[in-house]
Amino acid sequence: MPITYEPIATTTLGSAAANFTFSSISQNYTDLIAVIVGNSVNSGLIGSAIRVGNGSVDTGSNYSMTELYGDGSSAQSYRETSQTRWNLTLMTNGTTTGVNIIQIMNYSNTTTYKTSLTRANVTSTALRAVVGLWRSTSAINIIEIAPNAGNWAAGTSATLYGIKAA
């Protein structure tokens, strides 16, 4: 059975902004994919966070994640539990662009916790792979993605896709 990616929303920033928010997300798909391409306004390598919810963004300690990280000369992994966000993406400042792909599986299912897979890279600096868990059976209809510090830089774009079995 073929899989179909359908663009739901795209935003390209004309000026720096604190976050990307996708709200009123249709429940007609099986999975969601968010693709973020760009930079933060902060100097150096900076992570970003994603929060999800139903009706409003969940800021409670309901998120967990495991991360694999490599920079070409070393590799690391770590785990966080009972967090107020998924620390999922990797961005930089300046001319190096970060690319982040976040997949949220079974986001509209109301009987299971929600799992995400993220791949993030800044080709000259680091790669990151993360699996995340939102401990809620609520369907996701809002997503917020923000740098851990500062703002997204002008020109950064975010696109949300719905995936449905054809």
C-alpha atoms as a PDB file:
ATOM      1  CA  MET A   1       0.000   0.000   0.000  1.00  0.00           C
ATOM      2  CA  PRO A   2       1.594   3.332  -1.004  1.00  0.00           C
ATOM      3  CA  ILE A   3       2.082   6.093   1.540  1.00  0.00           C
ATOM      4  CA  THR A   4       1.039   9.667   0.739  1.00  0.00           C
ATOM      5  CA  TYR A   5       2.634  12.808   2.253  1.00  0.00           C
ATOM      6  CA  GLU A   6       0.217  15.733   2.235  1.00  0.00           C
ATOM      7  CA  PRO A   7       1.448  19.236   3.130  1.00  0.00           C
ATOM      8  CA  ILE A   8      -0.695  20.653   5.943  1.00  0.00           C
ATOM      9  CA  ALA A   9       1.077  23.975   6.611  1.00  0.00           C
ATOM     10  CA  THR A  10       4.295  25.817   5.772  1.00  0.00           C
ATOM     11  CA  THR A  11       5.763  28.894   7.434  1.00  0.00           C
ATOM     12  CA  THR A  12       8.905  30.798   6.422  1.00  0.00           C
ATOM     13  CA  LEU A  13       9.911  33.500   8.862  1.00  0.00           C
ATOM     14  CA  GLY A  14      10.280  37.046   7.546  1.00  0.00           C
ATOM     15  CA  SER A  15      11.824  38.072  10.878  1.00  0.00           C
ATOM     16  CA  ALA A  16      13.099  36.283  13.984  1.00  0.00           C
ATOM     17  CA  ALA A  17      10.415  34.456  15.988  1.00  0.00           C
ATOM     18  CA  ALA A  18      10.241  32.535  19.267  1.00  0.00           C
ATOM     19  CA  ASN A  19       8.517  29.433  17.884  1.00  0.00           C
ATOM     20  CA  PHE A  20       6.630  27.661  15.157  1.00  0.00           C
ATOM     21  CA  THR A  21       3.142  26.587  16.190  1.00  0.00           C
ATOM     22  CA  PHE A  22       0.907  24.289  14.188  1.00  0.00           C
ATOM     23  CA  SER A  23      -2.619  24.248  15.604  1.00  0.00           C
ATOM     24  CA  SER A  24      -6.008  22.786  14.698  1.00  0.00           C
ATOM     25  CA  ILE A  25      -4.207  19.827  13.118  1.00  0.00           C
ATOM     26  CA  SER A  26      -6.586  17.542  11.230  1.00  0.00           C
ATOM     27  CA  GLN A  27      -7.017  14.052  12.667  1.00  0.00           C
ATOM     28  CA  ASN A  28      -7.307  12.504   9.178  1.00  0.00           C
ATOM     29  CA  TYR A  29      -3.744  11.153   8.989  1.00  0.00           C
ATOM     30  CA  THR A  30      -1.830   8.290  10.589  1.00  0.00           C
ATOM     31  CA  ASP A  31       1.441  10.149  11.274  1.00  0.00           C
ATOM     32  CA  LEU A  32       2.842  13.664  11.142  1.00  0.00           C
ATOM     33  CA  ILE A  33       6.204  14.856   9.801  1.00  0.00           C
ATOM     34  CA  ALA A  34       7.629  18.287  10.588  1.00  0.00           C
ATOM     35  CA  VAL A  35      10.634  19.510   8.587  1.00  0.00           C
ATOM     36  CA  ILE A  36      12.546  22.534   9.864  1.00  0.00           C
ATOM     37  CA  VAL A  37      15.339  24.100   7.831  1.00  0.00           C
ATOM     38  CA  GLY A  38      17.258  27.102   9.107  1.00  0.00           C
ATOM     39  CA  ASN A  39      19.033  28.647  12.061  1.00  0.00           C
ATOM     40  CA  SER A  40      18.618  30.169  15.477  1.00  0.00           C
ATOM     41  CA  VAL A  41      19.774  33.710  16.248  1.00  0.00           C
ATOM     42  CA  ASN A  42      22.069  32.463  19.041  1.00  0.00           C
ATOM     43  CA  SER A  43      25.756  31.826  18.493  1.00  0.00           C
ATOM     44  CA  GLY A  44      27.081  28.277  18.301  1.00  0.00           C
ATOM     45  CA  LEU A  45      25.200  25.010  18.341  1.00  0.00           C
ATOM     46  CA  ILE A  46      21.835  25.145  20.089  1.00  0.00           C
ATOM     47  CA  GLY A  47      19.118  22.594  20.637  1.00  0.00           C
ATOM     48  CA  SER A  48      15.407  23.098  20.252  1.00  0.00           C
ATOM     49  CA  ALA A  49      12.362  21.722  21.969  1.00  0.00           C
ATOM     50  CA  ILE A  50       9.031  20.421  20.811  1.00  0.00           C
ATOM     51  CA  ARG A  51       5.838  20.332  22.837  1.00  0.00           C
ATOM     52  CA  VAL A  52       2.537  18.840  21.769  1.00  0.00           C
ATOM     53  CA  GLY A  53      -0.976  18.781  23.117  1.00  0.00           C
ATOM     54  CA  ASN A  54      -4.688  18.568  22.602  1.00  0.00           C
ATOM     55  CA  GLY A  55      -6.363  21.986  22.702  1.00  0.00           C
ATOM     56  CA  SER A  56      -3.283  23.538  24.314  1.00  0.00           C
ATOM     57  CA  VAL A  57       0.413  22.751  24.530  1.00  0.00           C
ATOM     58  CA  ASP A  58       1.253  20.317  27.363  1.00  0.00           C
ATOM     59  CA  THR A  59       3.887  21.964  29.594  1.00  0.00           C
ATOM     60  CA  GLY A  60       3.762  19.229  32.254  1.00  0.00           C
ATOM     61  CA  SER A  61       6.496  16.669  32.958  1.00  0.00           C
ATOM     62  CA  ASN A  62       5.054  14.135  30.493  1.00  0.00           C
ATOM     63  CA  TYR A  63       7.926  13.829  27.998  1.00  0.00           C
ATOM     64  CA  SER A  64      10.842  11.363  27.778  1.00  0.00           C
ATOM     65  CA  MET A  65      13.611  10.956  25.207  1.00  0.00           C
ATOM     66  CA  THR A  66      16.722   8.981  24.328  1.00  0.00           C
ATOM     67  CA  GLU A  67      19.323  10.622  22.105  1.00  0.00           C
ATOM     68  CA  LEU A  68      22.290   9.451  20.051  1.00  0.00           C
ATOM     69  CA  TYR A  69      24.737  12.218  19.155  1.00  0.00           C
ATOM     70  CA  GLY A  70      27.890  12.305  17.047  1.00  0.00           C
ATOM     71  CA  ASP A  71      30.254  14.997  15.810  1.00  0.00           C
ATOM     72  CA  GLY A  72      32.635  12.995  13.592  1.00  0.00           C
ATOM     73  CA  SER A  73      35.188  12.316  16.315  1.00  0.00           C
ATOM     74  CA  SER A  74      33.062  11.093  19.223  1.00  0.00           C
ATOM     75  CA  ALA A  75      29.634   9.661  19.936  1.00  0.00           C
ATOM     76  CA  GLN A  76      27.401   9.940  22.973  1.00  0.00           C
ATOM     77  CA  SER A  77      23.966   8.963  24.147  1.00  0.00           C
ATOM     78  CA  TYR A  78      21.770  10.051  27.001  1.00  0.00           C
ATOM     79  CA  ARG A  79      18.233   9.729  28.297  1.00  0.00           C
ATOM     80  CA  GLU A  80      15.852  12.185  29.941  1.00  0.00           C
ATOM     81  CA  THR A  81      12.551  11.355  31.662  1.00  0.00           C
ATOM     82  CA  SER A  82       9.754  13.443  33.166  1.00  0.00           C
ATOM     83  CA  GLN A  83      10.699  16.505  31.112  1.00  0.00           C
ATOM     84  CA  THR A  84       8.481  19.440  30.091  1.00  0.00           C
ATOM     85  CA  ARG A  85       9.451  19.067  26.399  1.00  0.00           C
ATOM     86  CA  TRP A  86      11.236  16.815  23.917  1.00  0.00           C
ATOM     87  CA  ASN A  87      14.722  18.171  23.273  1.00  0.00           C
ATOM     88  CA  LEU A  88      14.655  17.150  19.660  1.00  0.00           C
ATOM     89  CA  THR A  89      16.272  19.409  17.160  1.00  0.00           C
ATOM     90  CA  LEU A  90      19.633  20.940  16.370  1.00  0.00           C
ATOM     91  CA  MET A  91      20.160  24.418  14.938  1.00  0.00           C
ATOM     92  CA  THR A  92      23.079  26.803  14.480  1.00  0.00           C
ATOM     93  CA  ASN A  93      23.720  30.471  14.001  1.00  0.00           C
ATOM     94  CA  GLY A  94      25.243  32.006  10.896  1.00  0.00           C
ATOM     95  CA  THR A  95      25.665  30.495   7.473  1.00  0.00           C
ATOM     96  CA  THR A  96      25.457  26.798   8.419  1.00  0.00           C
ATOM     97  CA  THR A  97      21.899  25.567   8.065  1.00  0.00           C
ATOM     98  CA  GLY A  98      20.428  22.859  10.265  1.00  0.00           C
ATOM     99  CA  VAL A  99      17.944  20.326   8.882  1.00  0.00           C
ATOM    100  CA  ASN A 100      15.509  18.616  11.233  1.00  0.00           C
ATOM    101  CA  ILE A 101      12.938  15.939  10.459  1.00  0.00           C
ATOM    102  CA  ILE A 102      10.485  15.021  13.217  1.00  0.00           C
ATOM    103  CA  GLN A 103       8.019  12.142  12.774  1.00  0.00           C
ATOM    104  CA  ILE A 104       5.186  11.677  15.247  1.00  0.00           C
ATOM    105  CA  MET A 105       3.547   8.275  14.912  1.00  0.00           C
ATOM    106  CA  ASN A 106      -0.110   7.502  15.623  1.00  0.00           C
ATOM    107  CA  TYR A 107      -0.710  11.116  16.662  1.00  0.00           C
ATOM    108  CA  SER A 108      -4.517  10.810  16.364  1.00  0.00           C
ATOM    109  CA  ASN A 109      -4.796   7.478  18.213  1.00  0.00           C
ATOM    110  CA  THR A 110      -6.507   7.914  21.595  1.00  0.00           C
ATOM    111  CA  THR A 111      -5.474   4.577  23.127  1.00  0.00           C
ATOM    112  CA  THR A 112      -1.652   4.825  23.072  1.00  0.00           C
ATOM    113  CA  TYR A 113       1.132   7.156  24.175  1.00  0.00           C
ATOM    114  CA  LYS A 114       2.707   9.127  21.307  1.00  0.00           C
ATOM    115  CA  THR A 115       6.181   8.295  19.956  1.00  0.00           C
ATOM    116  CA  SER A 116       8.425  10.516  17.873  1.00  0.00           C
ATOM    117  CA  LEU A 117      11.589   9.932  15.860  1.00  0.00           C
ATOM    118  CA  THR A 118      13.856  12.840  15.002  1.00  0.00           C
ATOM    119  CA  ARG A 119      16.866  13.160  12.742  1.00  0.00           C
ATOM    120  CA  ALA A 120      18.794  16.403  12.920  1.00  0.00           C
ATOM    121  CA  ASN A 121      22.018  17.464  11.293  1.00  0.00           C
ATOM    122  CA  VAL A 122      24.318  20.375  10.794  1.00  0.00           C
ATOM    123  CA  THR A 123      26.728  18.944   8.247  1.00  0.00           C
ATOM    124  CA  SER A 124      29.815  20.752   9.524  1.00  0.00           C
ATOM    125  CA  THR A 125      29.119  20.116  13.202  1.00  0.00           C
ATOM    126  CA  ALA A 126      26.966  17.219  14.414  1.00  0.00           C
ATOM    127  CA  LEU A 127      24.258  14.622  13.840  1.00  0.00           C
ATOM    128  CA  ARG A 128      21.507  13.732  16.251  1.00  0.00           C
ATOM    129  CA  ALA A 129      18.929  10.926  16.379  1.00  0.00           C
ATOM    130  CA  VAL A 130      16.243  10.997  19.048  1.00  0.00           C
ATOM    131  CA  VAL A 131      13.305   8.834  20.051  1.00  0.00           C
ATOM    132  CA  GLY A 132      10.725  10.616  22.186  1.00  0.00           C
ATOM    133  CA  LEU A 133       7.608   9.651  24.124  1.00  0.00           C
ATOM    134  CA  TRP A 134       4.688  11.851  25.167  1.00  0.00           C
ATOM    135  CA  ARG A 135       2.919  10.073  28.004  1.00  0.00           C
ATOM    136  CA  SER A 136      -0.638  10.916  26.987  1.00  0.00           C
ATOM    137  CA  THR A 137      -3.345   9.069  25.101  1.00  0.00           C
ATOM    138  CA  SER A 138      -4.849  12.347  23.872  1.00  0.00           C
ATOM    139  CA  ALA A 139      -4.835  12.960  20.137  1.00  0.00           C
ATOM    140  CA  ILE A 140      -2.322  15.649  19.140  1.00  0.00           C
ATOM    141  CA  ASN A 141      -3.830  18.728  17.496  1.00  0.00           C
ATOM    142  CA  ILE A 142      -1.194  21.334  18.382  1.00  0.00           C
ATOM    143  CA  ILE A 143       2.616  21.304  18.026  1.00  0.00           C
ATOM    144  CA  GLU A 144       5.048  23.997  19.174  1.00  0.00           C
ATOM    145  CA  ILE A 145       8.736  23.962  18.162  1.00  0.00           C
ATOM    146  CA  ALA A 146      11.096  26.524  19.733  1.00  0.00           C
ATOM    147  CA  PRO A 147      14.856  26.989  20.262  1.00  0.00           C
ATOM    148  CA  ASN A 148      15.997  26.225  23.818  1.00  0.00           C
ATOM    149  CA  ALA A 149      17.311  29.806  23.915  1.00  0.00           C
ATOM    150  CA  GLY A 150      16.648  32.850  21.760  1.00  0.00           C
ATOM    151  CA  ASN A 151      14.619  32.829  18.545  1.00  0.00           C
ATOM    152  CA  TRP A 152      14.494  31.220  15.132  1.00  0.00           C
ATOM    153  CA  ALA A 153      16.310  33.361  12.584  1.00  0.00           C
ATOM    154  CA  ALA A 154      14.552  35.076   9.682  1.00  0.00           C
ATOM    155  CA  GLY A 155      14.402  32.741   6.675  1.00  0.00           C
ATOM    156  CA  THR A 156      13.954  29.589   8.781  1.00  0.00           C
ATOM    157  CA  SER A 157      11.081  27.472   7.483  1.00  0.00           C
ATOM    158  CA  ALA A 158       8.885  24.776   8.959  1.00  0.00           C
ATOM    159  CA  THR A 159       6.545  22.488   7.038  1.00  0.00           C
ATOM    160  CA  LEU A 160       4.078  20.048   8.563  1.00  0.00           C
ATOM    161  CA  TYR A 161       3.006  17.009   6.535  1.00  0.00           C
ATOM    162  CA  GLY A 162       0.283  14.482   7.220  1.00  0.00           C
ATOM    163  CA  ILE A 163       0.929  10.881   6.217  1.00  0.00           C
ATOM    164  CA  LYS A 164      -1.908   8.681   5.155  1.00  0.00           C
ATOM    165  CA  ALA A 165      -2.104   5.232   3.716  1.00  0.00           C
ATOM    166  CA  ALA A 166      -3.392   5.508   0.146  1.00  0.00           C
END
